[in-house]
Amino acid sequence: MDTEGIVTGLVSASSGSLNTLKSRASDADSAVSTLSSVSTLLATMQKSVDALANTRDVGAYTASSSSTAIAVSANGEIRRALLRY
């Protein structure tokens, strides 16, 4: 009986499974790292969106026009006044 060949075959078969598991573990670690990065970026984006929604942090602006046909509001909207003849 070739016990050395049997042991070598079993070790080789076991090594293949172990290498596959190590590769899958590495892939899972990479996926976790990527998801963590995405989560951090989304949190940063949410803070930016919240800041945009909060108008108290927006500075005051003034505007004027030499034309009576144009009206400018403080919130940045420009509206065309109705012309009356």
Foldseek 3Di string as FASTA:
>chain_A
DPVVVVVVVVVVVVVVVVVVVVVVVVVVVVVVVVVVVVVVVVVVVVVVVVVVVDCVPPDWDDDDDPDPQWDADRVGDIDGHDDDD
